[in-house]
Each structure stands twice: as C-alpha cells, then as structure tokens.
PDB file of all heavy atoms in Angstrom:
ATOM      1  N   GLU A   1     -14.622   7.974 -14.081  1.00  0.00           N
ATOM      2  CA  GLU A   1     -13.264   8.531 -14.144  1.00  0.00           C
ATOM      3  C   GLU A   1     -12.546   8.467 -12.792  1.00  0.00           C
ATOM      4  O   GLU A   1     -11.337   8.699 -12.705  1.00  0.00           O
ATOM      5  CB  GLU A   1     -13.277   9.975 -14.645  1.00  0.00           C
ATOM      6  CG  GLU A   1     -14.057  10.947 -13.783  1.00  0.00           C
ATOM      7  CD  GLU A   1     -15.502  11.127 -14.267  1.00  0.00           C
ATOM      8  OE1 GLU A   1     -16.027  10.204 -14.921  1.00  0.00           O
ATOM      9  OE2 GLU A   1     -16.066  12.208 -13.996  1.00  0.00           O
ATOM     10  N   ASN A   2     -13.298   8.164 -11.728  1.00  0.00           N
ATOM     11  CA  ASN A   2     -12.702   8.043 -10.401  1.00  0.00           C
ATOM     12  C   ASN A   2     -12.408   6.596 -10.015  1.00  0.00           C
ATOM     13  O   ASN A   2     -12.056   6.322  -8.864  1.00  0.00           O
ATOM     14  CB  ASN A   2     -13.619   8.663  -9.340  1.00  0.00           C
ATOM     15  CG  ASN A   2     -13.809  10.153  -9.512  1.00  0.00           C
ATOM     16  OD1 ASN A   2     -14.927  10.661  -9.476  1.00  0.00           O
ATOM     17  ND2 ASN A   2     -12.714  10.877  -9.729  1.00  0.00           N
ATOM     18  N   LEU A   3     -12.552   5.683 -10.964  1.00  0.00           N
ATOM     19  CA  LEU A   3     -12.378   4.256 -10.686  1.00  0.00           C
ATOM     20  C   LEU A   3     -11.176   3.696 -11.426  1.00  0.00           C
ATOM     21  O   LEU A   3     -10.869   4.120 -12.540  1.00  0.00           O
ATOM     22  CB  LEU A   3     -13.620   3.474 -11.105  1.00  0.00           C
ATOM     23  CG  LEU A   3     -14.913   3.720 -10.321  1.00  0.00           C
ATOM     24  CD1 LEU A   3     -16.090   3.074 -11.035  1.00  0.00           C
ATOM     25  CD2 LEU A   3     -14.799   3.171  -8.899  1.00  0.00           C
ATOM     26  N   MET A   4     -10.520   2.715 -10.810  1.00  0.00           N
ATOM     27  CA  MET A   4      -9.540   1.909 -11.522  1.00  0.00           C
ATOM     28  C   MET A   4      -9.610   0.478 -10.993  1.00  0.00           C
ATOM     29  O   MET A   4     -10.083   0.242  -9.872  1.00  0.00           O
ATOM     30  CB  MET A   4      -8.118   2.466 -11.380  1.00  0.00           C
ATOM     31  CG  MET A   4      -7.466   2.261 -10.039  1.00  0.00           C
ATOM     32  SD  MET A   4      -5.677   2.659 -10.088  1.00  0.00           S
ATOM     33  CE  MET A   4      -5.063   1.341 -11.144  1.00  0.00           C
ATOM     34  N   PHE A   5      -9.151  -0.473 -11.791  1.00  0.00           N
ATOM     35  CA  PHE A   5      -9.284  -1.886 -11.463  1.00  0.00           C
ATOM     36  C   PHE A   5      -7.922  -2.558 -11.494  1.00  0.00           C
ATOM     37  O   PHE A   5      -7.013  -2.126 -12.205  1.00  0.00           O
ATOM     38  CB  PHE A   5     -10.263  -2.561 -12.438  1.00  0.00           C
ATOM     39  CG  PHE A   5     -11.638  -1.989 -12.349  1.00  0.00           C
ATOM     40  CD1 PHE A   5     -11.970  -0.835 -13.054  1.00  0.00           C
ATOM     41  CD2 PHE A   5     -12.580  -2.544 -11.509  1.00  0.00           C
ATOM     42  CE1 PHE A   5     -13.232  -0.272 -12.939  1.00  0.00           C
ATOM     43  CE2 PHE A   5     -13.843  -1.981 -11.391  1.00  0.00           C
ATOM     44  CZ  PHE A   5     -14.168  -0.840 -12.101  1.00  0.00           C
ATOM     45  N   ALA A   6      -7.794  -3.623 -10.712  1.00  0.00           N
ATOM     46  CA  ALA A   6      -6.489  -4.256 -10.580  1.00  0.00           C
ATOM     47  C   ALA A   6      -6.654  -5.730 -10.232  1.00  0.00           C
ATOM     48  O   ALA A   6      -7.763  -6.237 -10.040  1.00  0.00           O
ATOM     49  CB  ALA A   6      -5.666  -3.546  -9.508  1.00  0.00           C
ATOM     50  N   ASN A   7      -5.507  -6.388 -10.140  1.00  0.00           N
ATOM     51  CA  ASN A   7      -5.444  -7.816  -9.831  1.00  0.00           C
ATOM     52  C   ASN A   7      -5.596  -8.016  -8.321  1.00  0.00           C
ATOM     53  O   ASN A   7      -4.646  -8.358  -7.621  1.00  0.00           O
ATOM     54  CB  ASN A   7      -4.105  -8.369 -10.332  1.00  0.00           C
ATOM     55  CG  ASN A   7      -4.019  -9.875 -10.214  1.00  0.00           C
ATOM     56  OD1 ASN A   7      -3.514 -10.395  -9.223  1.00  0.00           O
ATOM     57  ND2 ASN A   7      -4.488 -10.564 -11.224  1.00  0.00           N
ATOM     58  N   GLY A   8      -6.794  -7.740  -7.819  1.00  0.00           N
ATOM     59  CA  GLY A   8      -7.051  -7.831  -6.390  1.00  0.00           C
ATOM     60  C   GLY A   8      -6.722  -6.540  -5.666  1.00  0.00           C
ATOM     61  O   GLY A   8      -6.035  -5.657  -6.192  1.00  0.00           O
ATOM     62  N   ALA A   9      -7.217  -6.420  -4.425  1.00  0.00           N
ATOM     63  CA  ALA A   9      -6.949  -5.225  -3.620  1.00  0.00           C
ATOM     64  C   ALA A   9      -5.461  -5.079  -3.330  1.00  0.00           C
ATOM     65  O   ALA A   9      -4.945  -3.964  -3.221  1.00  0.00           O
ATOM     66  CB  ALA A   9      -7.725  -5.298  -2.310  1.00  0.00           C
ATOM     67  N   SER A  10      -4.744  -6.200  -3.247  1.00  0.00           N
ATOM     68  CA  SER A  10      -3.319  -6.140  -2.929  1.00  0.00           C
ATOM     69  C   SER A  10      -2.543  -5.342  -3.963  1.00  0.00           C
ATOM     70  O   SER A  10      -1.614  -4.602  -3.621  1.00  0.00           O
ATOM     71  CB  SER A  10      -2.740  -7.557  -2.826  1.00  0.00           C
ATOM     72  OG  SER A  10      -3.283  -8.229  -1.711  1.00  0.00           O
ATOM     73  N   GLU A  11      -2.917  -5.466  -5.239  1.00  0.00           N
ATOM     74  CA  GLU A  11      -2.233  -4.689  -6.262  1.00  0.00           C
ATOM     75  C   GLU A  11      -2.547  -3.197  -6.117  1.00  0.00           C
ATOM     76  O   GLU A  11      -1.683  -2.347  -6.346  1.00  0.00           O
ATOM     77  CB  GLU A  11      -2.612  -5.160  -7.665  1.00  0.00           C
ATOM     78  CG  GLU A  11      -1.772  -4.480  -8.747  1.00  0.00           C
ATOM     79  CD  GLU A  11      -2.092  -4.940 -10.157  1.00  0.00           C
ATOM     80  OE1 GLU A  11      -3.286  -5.031 -10.518  1.00  0.00           O
ATOM     81  OE2 GLU A  11      -1.134  -5.178 -10.908  1.00  0.00           O
ATOM     82  N   ILE A  12      -3.771  -2.882  -5.708  1.00  0.00           N
ATOM     83  CA  ILE A  12      -4.134  -1.466  -5.482  1.00  0.00           C
ATOM     84  C   ILE A  12      -3.251  -0.876  -4.388  1.00  0.00           C
ATOM     85  O   ILE A  12      -2.737   0.244  -4.513  1.00  0.00           O
ATOM     86  CB  ILE A  12      -5.618  -1.344  -5.087  1.00  0.00           C
ATOM     87  CG1 ILE A  12      -6.535  -1.812  -6.218  1.00  0.00           C
ATOM     88  CG2 ILE A  12      -5.944   0.076  -4.676  1.00  0.00           C
ATOM     89  CD1 ILE A  12      -6.675  -0.858  -7.358  1.00  0.00           C
ATOM     90  N   PHE A  13      -3.080  -1.610  -3.285  1.00  0.00           N
ATOM     91  CA  PHE A  13      -2.243  -1.111  -2.190  1.00  0.00           C
ATOM     92  C   PHE A  13      -0.819  -0.830  -2.690  1.00  0.00           C
ATOM     93  O   PHE A  13      -0.230   0.202  -2.359  1.00  0.00           O
ATOM     94  CB  PHE A  13      -2.189  -2.123  -1.039  1.00  0.00           C
ATOM     95  CG  PHE A  13      -3.522  -2.386  -0.389  1.00  0.00           C
ATOM     96  CD1 PHE A  13      -3.929  -3.682  -0.105  1.00  0.00           C
ATOM     97  CD2 PHE A  13      -4.366  -1.346  -0.056  1.00  0.00           C
ATOM     98  CE1 PHE A  13      -5.153  -3.933   0.486  1.00  0.00           C
ATOM     99  CE2 PHE A  13      -5.608  -1.587   0.541  1.00  0.00           C
ATOM    100  CZ  PHE A  13      -5.989  -2.884   0.813  1.00  0.00           C
ATOM    101  N   LYS A  14      -0.291  -1.732  -3.471  1.00  0.00           N
ATOM    102  CA  LYS A  14       1.078  -1.547  -3.981  1.00  0.00           C
ATOM    103  C   LYS A  14       1.156  -0.353  -4.929  1.00  0.00           C
ATOM    104  O   LYS A  14       2.099   0.448  -4.850  1.00  0.00           O
ATOM    105  CB  LYS A  14       1.561  -2.809  -4.685  1.00  0.00           C
ATOM    106  CG  LYS A  14       2.940  -2.646  -5.318  1.00  0.00           C
ATOM    107  CD  LYS A  14       3.536  -3.934  -5.771  1.00  0.00           C
ATOM    108  CE  LYS A  14       4.832  -3.717  -6.553  1.00  0.00           C
ATOM    109  NZ  LYS A  14       5.806  -2.871  -5.841  1.00  0.00           N
ATOM    110  N   LEU A  15       0.177  -0.231  -5.820  1.00  0.00           N
ATOM    111  CA  LEU A  15       0.190   0.877  -6.768  1.00  0.00           C
ATOM    112  C   LEU A  15       0.090   2.220  -6.044  1.00  0.00           C
ATOM    113  O   LEU A  15       0.760   3.192  -6.414  1.00  0.00           O
ATOM    114  CB  LEU A  15      -0.958   0.727  -7.767  1.00  0.00           C
ATOM    115  CG  LEU A  15      -0.845  -0.443  -8.754  1.00  0.00           C
ATOM    116  CD1 LEU A  15      -2.136  -0.605  -9.539  1.00  0.00           C
ATOM    117  CD2 LEU A  15       0.332  -0.238  -9.705  1.00  0.00           C
ATOM    118  N   ALA A  16      -0.743   2.275  -5.016  1.00  0.00           N
ATOM    119  CA  ALA A  16      -0.893   3.525  -4.254  1.00  0.00           C
ATOM    120  C   ALA A  16       0.413   3.899  -3.568  1.00  0.00           C
ATOM    121  O   ALA A  16       0.845   5.060  -3.593  1.00  0.00           O
ATOM    122  CB  ALA A  16      -2.015   3.382  -3.226  1.00  0.00           C
ATOM    123  N   VAL A  17       1.056   2.912  -2.948  1.00  0.00           N
ATOM    124  CA  VAL A  17       2.325   3.173  -2.261  1.00  0.00           C
ATOM    125  C   VAL A  17       3.411   3.555  -3.262  1.00  0.00           C
ATOM    126  O   VAL A  17       4.178   4.502  -3.041  1.00  0.00           O
ATOM    127  CB  VAL A  17       2.753   1.935  -1.436  1.00  0.00           C
ATOM    128  CG1 VAL A  17       4.196   2.070  -0.957  1.00  0.00           C
ATOM    129  CG2 VAL A  17       1.825   1.761  -0.235  1.00  0.00           C
ATOM    130  N   ASP A  18       3.473   2.861  -4.383  1.00  0.00           N
ATOM    131  CA  ASP A  18       4.494   3.163  -5.387  1.00  0.00           C
ATOM    132  C   ASP A  18       4.299   4.561  -5.986  1.00  0.00           C
ATOM    133  O   ASP A  18       5.272   5.240  -6.333  1.00  0.00           O
ATOM    134  CB  ASP A  18       4.465   2.116  -6.505  1.00  0.00           C
ATOM    135  CG  ASP A  18       5.033   0.776  -6.053  1.00  0.00           C
ATOM    136  OD1 ASP A  18       5.654   0.735  -4.980  1.00  0.00           O
ATOM    137  OD2 ASP A  18       4.852  -0.225  -6.776  1.00  0.00           O
ATOM    138  N   ALA A  19       3.040   4.976  -6.113  1.00  0.00           N
ATOM    139  CA  ALA A  19       2.756   6.292  -6.699  1.00  0.00           C
ATOM    140  C   ALA A  19       3.032   7.427  -5.712  1.00  0.00           C
ATOM    141  O   ALA A  19       3.545   8.480  -6.084  1.00  0.00           O
ATOM    142  CB  ALA A  19       1.309   6.354  -7.173  1.00  0.00           C
ATOM    143  N   ILE A  20       2.709   7.202  -4.447  1.00  0.00           N
ATOM    144  CA  ILE A  20       2.866   8.250  -3.433  1.00  0.00           C
ATOM    145  C   ILE A  20       4.293   8.310  -2.893  1.00  0.00           C
ATOM    146  O   ILE A  20       4.786   9.379  -2.539  1.00  0.00           O
ATOM    147  CB  ILE A  20       1.845   8.034  -2.286  1.00  0.00           C
ATOM    148  CG1 ILE A  20       0.418   8.244  -2.823  1.00  0.00           C
ATOM    149  CG2 ILE A  20       2.117   8.958  -1.104  1.00  0.00           C
ATOM    150  CD1 ILE A  20      -0.669   7.765  -1.890  1.00  0.00           C
ATOM    151  N   LYS A  21       4.942   7.140  -2.830  1.00  0.00           N
ATOM    152  CA  LYS A  21       6.311   7.045  -2.300  1.00  0.00           C
ATOM    153  C   LYS A  21       6.407   7.635  -0.886  1.00  0.00           C
ATOM    154  O   LYS A  21       7.178   8.591  -0.631  1.00  0.00           O
ATOM    155  CB  LYS A  21       7.309   7.739  -3.229  1.00  0.00           C
ATOM    156  CG  LYS A  21       7.480   7.061  -4.583  1.00  0.00           C
ATOM    157  CD  LYS A  21       8.512   7.783  -5.437  1.00  0.00           C
ATOM    158  CE  LYS A  21       8.810   7.012  -6.715  1.00  0.00           C
ATOM    159  NZ  LYS A  21       7.624   6.772  -7.552  1.00  0.00           N
ATOM    160  N   PRO A  22       5.656   7.099   0.058  1.00  0.00           N
ATOM    161  CA  PRO A  22       5.675   7.660   1.418  1.00  0.00           C
ATOM    162  C   PRO A  22       7.008   7.407   2.126  1.00  0.00           C
ATOM    163  O   PRO A  22       7.643   6.365   1.931  1.00  0.00           O
ATOM    164  CB  PRO A  22       4.534   6.899   2.109  1.00  0.00           C
ATOM    165  CG  PRO A  22       4.482   5.587   1.391  1.00  0.00           C
ATOM    166  CD  PRO A  22       4.795   5.903  -0.038  1.00  0.00           C
ATOM    167  N   HIS A  23       7.400   8.361   2.936  1.00  0.00           N
ATOM    168  CA  HIS A  23       8.575   8.172   3.786  1.00  0.00           C
ATOM    169  C   HIS A  23       8.188   7.463   5.079  1.00  0.00           C
ATOM    170  O   HIS A  23       8.958   6.678   5.624  1.00  0.00           O
ATOM    171  CB  HIS A  23       9.219   9.525   4.115  1.00  0.00           C
ATOM    172  CG  HIS A  23       9.783  10.221   2.913  1.00  0.00           C
ATOM    173  ND1 HIS A  23      10.895   9.775   2.255  1.00  0.00           N
ATOM    174  CD2 HIS A  23       9.355  11.326   2.240  1.00  0.00           C
ATOM    175  CE1 HIS A  23      11.153  10.567   1.232  1.00  0.00           C
ATOM    176  NE2 HIS A  23      10.233  11.519   1.198  1.00  0.00           N
ATOM    177  N   LYS A  24       6.968   7.762   5.540  1.00  0.00           N
ATOM    178  CA  LYS A  24       6.501   7.171   6.794  1.00  0.00           C
ATOM    179  C   LYS A  24       4.993   6.960   6.719  1.00  0.00           C
ATOM    180  O   LYS A  24       4.266   7.791   6.181  1.00  0.00           O
ATOM    181  CB  LYS A  24       6.836   8.088   7.973  1.00  0.00           C
ATOM    182  CG  LYS A  24       6.573   7.481   9.350  1.00  0.00           C
ATOM    183  CD  LYS A  24       6.849   8.490  10.455  1.00  0.00           C
ATOM    184  CE  LYS A  24       8.320   8.854  10.530  1.00  0.00           C
ATOM    185  NZ  LYS A  24       8.596   9.777  11.670  1.00  0.00           N
ATOM    186  N   ALA A  25       4.530   5.833   7.247  1.00  0.00           N
ATOM    187  CA  ALA A  25       3.094   5.520   7.220  1.00  0.00           C
ATOM    188  C   ALA A  25       2.637   5.024   8.582  1.00  0.00           C
ATOM    189  O   ALA A  25       3.417   4.442   9.343  1.00  0.00           O
ATOM    190  CB  ALA A  25       2.797   4.466   6.155  1.00  0.00           C
ATOM    191  N   LEU A  26       1.369   5.265   8.874  1.00  0.00           N
ATOM    192  CA  LEU A  26       0.749   4.748  10.094  1.00  0.00           C
ATOM    193  C   LEU A  26      -0.194   3.617   9.722  1.00  0.00           C
ATOM    194  O   LEU A  26      -1.038   3.766   8.827  1.00  0.00           O
ATOM    195  CB  LEU A  26      -0.030   5.848  10.821  1.00  0.00           C
ATOM    196  CG  LEU A  26      -0.699   5.399  12.130  1.00  0.00           C
ATOM    197  CD1 LEU A  26       0.345   5.175  13.219  1.00  0.00           C
ATOM    198  CD2 LEU A  26      -1.729   6.426  12.603  1.00  0.00           C
ATOM    199  N   VAL A  27      -0.048   2.483  10.411  1.00  0.00           N
ATOM    200  CA  VAL A  27      -0.873   1.307  10.173  1.00  0.00           C
ATOM    201  C   VAL A  27      -1.447   0.860  11.506  1.00  0.00           C
ATOM    202  O   VAL A  27      -0.725   0.823  12.509  1.00  0.00           O
ATOM    203  CB  VAL A  27      -0.048   0.159   9.544  1.00  0.00           C
ATOM    204  CG1 VAL A  27      -0.892  -1.093   9.376  1.00  0.00           C
ATOM    205  CG2 VAL A  27       0.530   0.594   8.200  1.00  0.00           C
ATOM    206  N   THR A  28      -2.725   0.544  11.551  1.00  0.00           N
ATOM    207  CA  THR A  28      -3.295   0.020  12.789  1.00  0.00           C
ATOM    208  C   THR A  28      -2.856  -1.430  12.984  1.00  0.00           C
ATOM    209  O   THR A  28      -2.582  -2.150  12.034  1.00  0.00           O
ATOM    210  CB  THR A  28      -4.832   0.092  12.780  1.00  0.00           C
ATOM    211  OG1 THR A  28      -5.340  -0.653  11.671  1.00  0.00           O
ATOM    212  CG2 THR A  28      -5.316   1.527  12.690  1.00  0.00           C
ATOM    213  N   ALA A  29      -2.786  -1.852  14.244  1.00  0.00           N
ATOM    214  CA  ALA A  29      -2.403  -3.219  14.555  1.00  0.00           C
ATOM    215  C   ALA A  29      -3.301  -3.754  15.661  1.00  0.00           C
ATOM    216  O   ALA A  29      -3.490  -3.080  16.667  1.00  0.00           O
ATOM    217  CB  ALA A  29      -0.942  -3.267  14.994  1.00  0.00           C
ATOM    218  N   PRO A  30      -3.909  -4.925  15.446  1.00  0.00           N
ATOM    219  CA  PRO A  30      -3.732  -5.788  14.279  1.00  0.00           C
ATOM    220  C   PRO A  30      -4.555  -5.307  13.086  1.00  0.00           C
ATOM    221  O   PRO A  30      -5.621  -4.734  13.247  1.00  0.00           O
ATOM    222  CB  PRO A  30      -4.246  -7.143  14.771  1.00  0.00           C
ATOM    223  CG  PRO A  30      -5.302  -6.788  15.772  1.00  0.00           C
ATOM    224  CD  PRO A  30      -4.787  -5.558  16.469  1.00  0.00           C
ATOM    225  N   SER A  31      -4.035  -5.577  11.894  1.00  0.00           N
ATOM    226  CA  SER A  31      -4.797  -5.364  10.660  1.00  0.00           C
ATOM    227  C   SER A  31      -4.113  -6.139   9.543  1.00  0.00           C
ATOM    228  O   SER A  31      -3.086  -6.786   9.765  1.00  0.00           O
ATOM    229  CB  SER A  31      -4.915  -3.871  10.313  1.00  0.00           C
ATOM    230  OG  SER A  31      -3.646  -3.308  10.061  1.00  0.00           O
ATOM    231  N   PHE A  32      -4.655  -6.057   8.357  1.00  0.00           N
ATOM    232  CA  PHE A  32      -4.178  -6.826   7.216  1.00  0.00           C
ATOM    233  C   PHE A  32      -2.677  -6.595   6.987  1.00  0.00           C
ATOM    234  O   PHE A  32      -2.216  -5.449   6.881  1.00  0.00           O
ATOM    235  CB  PHE A  32      -4.973  -6.414   5.975  1.00  0.00           C
ATOM    236  CG  PHE A  32      -4.568  -7.110   4.706  1.00  0.00           C
ATOM    237  CD1 PHE A  32      -4.456  -8.494   4.649  1.00  0.00           C
ATOM    238  CD2 PHE A  32      -4.306  -6.376   3.565  1.00  0.00           C
ATOM    239  CE1 PHE A  32      -4.082  -9.128   3.477  1.00  0.00           C
ATOM    240  CE2 PHE A  32      -3.945  -6.992   2.379  1.00  0.00           C
ATOM    241  CZ  PHE A  32      -3.827  -8.380   2.338  1.00  0.00           C
ATOM    242  N   SER A  33      -1.929  -7.681   6.894  1.00  0.00           N
ATOM    243  CA  SER A  33      -0.471  -7.580   6.762  1.00  0.00           C
ATOM    244  C   SER A  33      -0.044  -7.038   5.403  1.00  0.00           C
ATOM    245  O   SER A  33       1.113  -6.620   5.241  1.00  0.00           O
ATOM    246  CB  SER A  33       0.171  -8.957   6.972  1.00  0.00           C
ATOM    247  OG  SER A  33      -0.273  -9.878   5.984  1.00  0.00           O
ATOM    248  N   GLY A  34      -0.958  -7.012   4.435  1.00  0.00           N
ATOM    249  CA  GLY A  34      -0.612  -6.530   3.104  1.00  0.00           C
ATOM    250  C   GLY A  34      -0.166  -5.084   3.078  1.00  0.00           C
ATOM    251  O   GLY A  34       0.641  -4.695   2.224  1.00  0.00           O
ATOM    252  N   TYR A  35      -0.669  -4.276   4.012  1.00  0.00           N
ATOM    253  CA  TYR A  35      -0.253  -2.861   4.055  1.00  0.00           C
ATOM    254  C   TYR A  35       1.245  -2.770   4.374  1.00  0.00           C
ATOM    255  O   TYR A  35       2.007  -2.093   3.676  1.00  0.00           O
ATOM    256  CB  TYR A  35      -1.031  -2.079   5.122  1.00  0.00           C
ATOM    257  CG  TYR A  35      -2.515  -2.304   5.158  1.00  0.00           C
ATOM    258  CD1 TYR A  35      -3.202  -2.348   6.373  1.00  0.00           C
ATOM    259  CD2 TYR A  35      -3.260  -2.479   3.992  1.00  0.00           C
ATOM    260  CE1 TYR A  35      -4.564  -2.538   6.426  1.00  0.00           C
ATOM    261  CE2 TYR A  35      -4.628  -2.679   4.044  1.00  0.00           C
ATOM    262  CZ  TYR A  35      -5.273  -2.719   5.265  1.00  0.00           C
ATOM    263  OH  TYR A  35      -6.626  -2.925   5.320  1.00  0.00           O
ATOM    264  N   SER A  36       1.651  -3.443   5.439  1.00  0.00           N
ATOM    265  CA  SER A  36       3.055  -3.409   5.837  1.00  0.00           C
ATOM    266  C   SER A  36       3.939  -4.047   4.772  1.00  0.00           C
ATOM    267  O   SER A  36       5.073  -3.604   4.549  1.00  0.00           O
ATOM    268  CB  SER A  36       3.246  -4.129   7.176  1.00  0.00           C
ATOM    269  OG  SER A  36       2.515  -3.479   8.197  1.00  0.00           O
ATOM    270  N   HIS A  37       3.411  -5.067   4.126  1.00  0.00           N
ATOM    271  CA  HIS A  37       4.178  -5.773   3.089  1.00  0.00           C
ATOM    272  C   HIS A  37       4.602  -4.821   1.975  1.00  0.00           C
ATOM    273  O   HIS A  37       5.777  -4.774   1.595  1.00  0.00           O
ATOM    274  CB  HIS A  37       3.337  -6.920   2.531  1.00  0.00           C
ATOM    275  CG  HIS A  37       3.981  -7.673   1.415  1.00  0.00           C
ATOM    276  ND1 HIS A  37       5.010  -8.564   1.621  1.00  0.00           N
ATOM    277  CD2 HIS A  37       3.756  -7.660   0.072  1.00  0.00           C
ATOM    278  CE1 HIS A  37       5.390  -9.068   0.454  1.00  0.00           C
ATOM    279  NE2 HIS A  37       4.653  -8.541  -0.497  1.00  0.00           N
ATOM    280  N   VAL A  38       3.647  -4.043   1.455  1.00  0.00           N
ATOM    281  CA  VAL A  38       3.989  -3.148   0.341  1.00  0.00           C
ATOM    282  C   VAL A  38       4.781  -1.943   0.828  1.00  0.00           C
ATOM    283  O   VAL A  38       5.643  -1.429   0.104  1.00  0.00           O
ATOM    284  CB  VAL A  38       2.724  -2.700  -0.432  1.00  0.00           C
ATOM    285  CG1 VAL A  38       2.067  -3.889  -1.105  1.00  0.00           C
ATOM    286  CG2 VAL A  38       1.728  -1.977   0.463  1.00  0.00           C
ATOM    287  N   LEU A  39       4.527  -1.491   2.047  1.00  0.00           N
ATOM    288  CA  LEU A  39       5.279  -0.356   2.587  1.00  0.00           C
ATOM    289  C   LEU A  39       6.752  -0.725   2.796  1.00  0.00           C
ATOM    290  O   LEU A  39       7.654   0.044   2.450  1.00  0.00           O
ATOM    291  CB  LEU A  39       4.657   0.115   3.908  1.00  0.00           C
ATOM    292  CG  LEU A  39       3.329   0.870   3.784  1.00  0.00           C
ATOM    293  CD1 LEU A  39       2.628   0.947   5.139  1.00  0.00           C
ATOM    294  CD2 LEU A  39       3.539   2.267   3.214  1.00  0.00           C
ATOM    295  N   LYS A  40       6.987  -1.907   3.335  1.00  0.00           N
ATOM    296  CA  LYS A  40       8.370  -2.357   3.524  1.00  0.00           C
ATOM    297  C   LYS A  40       9.062  -2.515   2.176  1.00  0.00           C
ATOM    298  O   LYS A  40      10.238  -2.172   2.024  1.00  0.00           O
ATOM    299  CB  LYS A  40       8.382  -3.684   4.282  1.00  0.00           C
ATOM    300  CG  LYS A  40       8.020  -3.551   5.749  1.00  0.00           C
ATOM    301  CD  LYS A  40       7.945  -4.914   6.430  1.00  0.00           C
ATOM    302  CE  LYS A  40       7.519  -4.782   7.887  1.00  0.00           C
ATOM    303  NZ  LYS A  40       7.351  -6.110   8.528  1.00  0.00           N
ATOM    304  N   GLY A  41       8.326  -3.042   1.190  1.00  0.00           N
ATOM    305  CA  GLY A  41       8.901  -3.217  -0.133  1.00  0.00           C
ATOM    306  C   GLY A  41       9.310  -1.900  -0.765  1.00  0.00           C
ATOM    307  O   GLY A  41      10.240  -1.846  -1.577  1.00  0.00           O
ATOM    308  N   ALA A  42       8.609  -0.819  -0.393  1.00  0.00           N
ATOM    309  CA  ALA A  42       8.920   0.508  -0.935  1.00  0.00           C
ATOM    310  C   ALA A  42       9.934   1.266  -0.075  1.00  0.00           C
ATOM    311  O   ALA A  42      10.283   2.404  -0.384  1.00  0.00           O
ATOM    312  CB  ALA A  42       7.636   1.322  -1.057  1.00  0.00           C
ATOM    313  N   GLY A  43      10.374   0.643   1.010  1.00  0.00           N
ATOM    314  CA  GLY A  43      11.366   1.285   1.874  1.00  0.00           C
ATOM    315  C   GLY A  43      10.797   2.340   2.798  1.00  0.00           C
ATOM    316  O   GLY A  43      11.546   3.164   3.343  1.00  0.00           O
ATOM    317  N   ALA A  44       9.473   2.322   2.999  1.00  0.00           N
ATOM    318  CA  ALA A  44       8.834   3.320   3.875  1.00  0.00           C
ATOM    319  C   ALA A  44       8.962   2.911   5.334  1.00  0.00           C
ATOM    320  O   ALA A  44       8.935   1.725   5.671  1.00  0.00           O
ATOM    321  CB  ALA A  44       7.359   3.475   3.502  1.00  0.00           C
ATOM    322  N   GLY A  45       9.066   3.895   6.198  1.00  0.00           N
ATOM    323  CA  GLY A  45       9.031   3.621   7.621  1.00  0.00           C
ATOM    324  C   GLY A  45       7.592   3.374   8.068  1.00  0.00           C
ATOM    325  O   GLY A  45       6.660   3.973   7.528  1.00  0.00           O
TER     326      GLY A  45
END
C-alpha cells in the first residue's frame, strides 16, 4: 500500500511535484536536471 509505479522515475518526480504544488524547492547542484525540469514546469521557485 506504500508503493506506486510509473513510466520511469521522471514521471514520479512530476507526479510528486504536481500533487504537492511547492512554492519553493531546494535542489543540490550538480544533480539530475529532471528535478528542476518538473519544478519549473509547475511554476515553483
């Protein structure tokens, strides 16, 4: 009941951001660009 599956990890990142709707997020740099990609798409700082 604590698991869910998706079309790759990238879809999980997007679903998490879309569900939480963050105003601001902290991302380490350098790191996977997919985090910033979905955050920018959601309008998060």
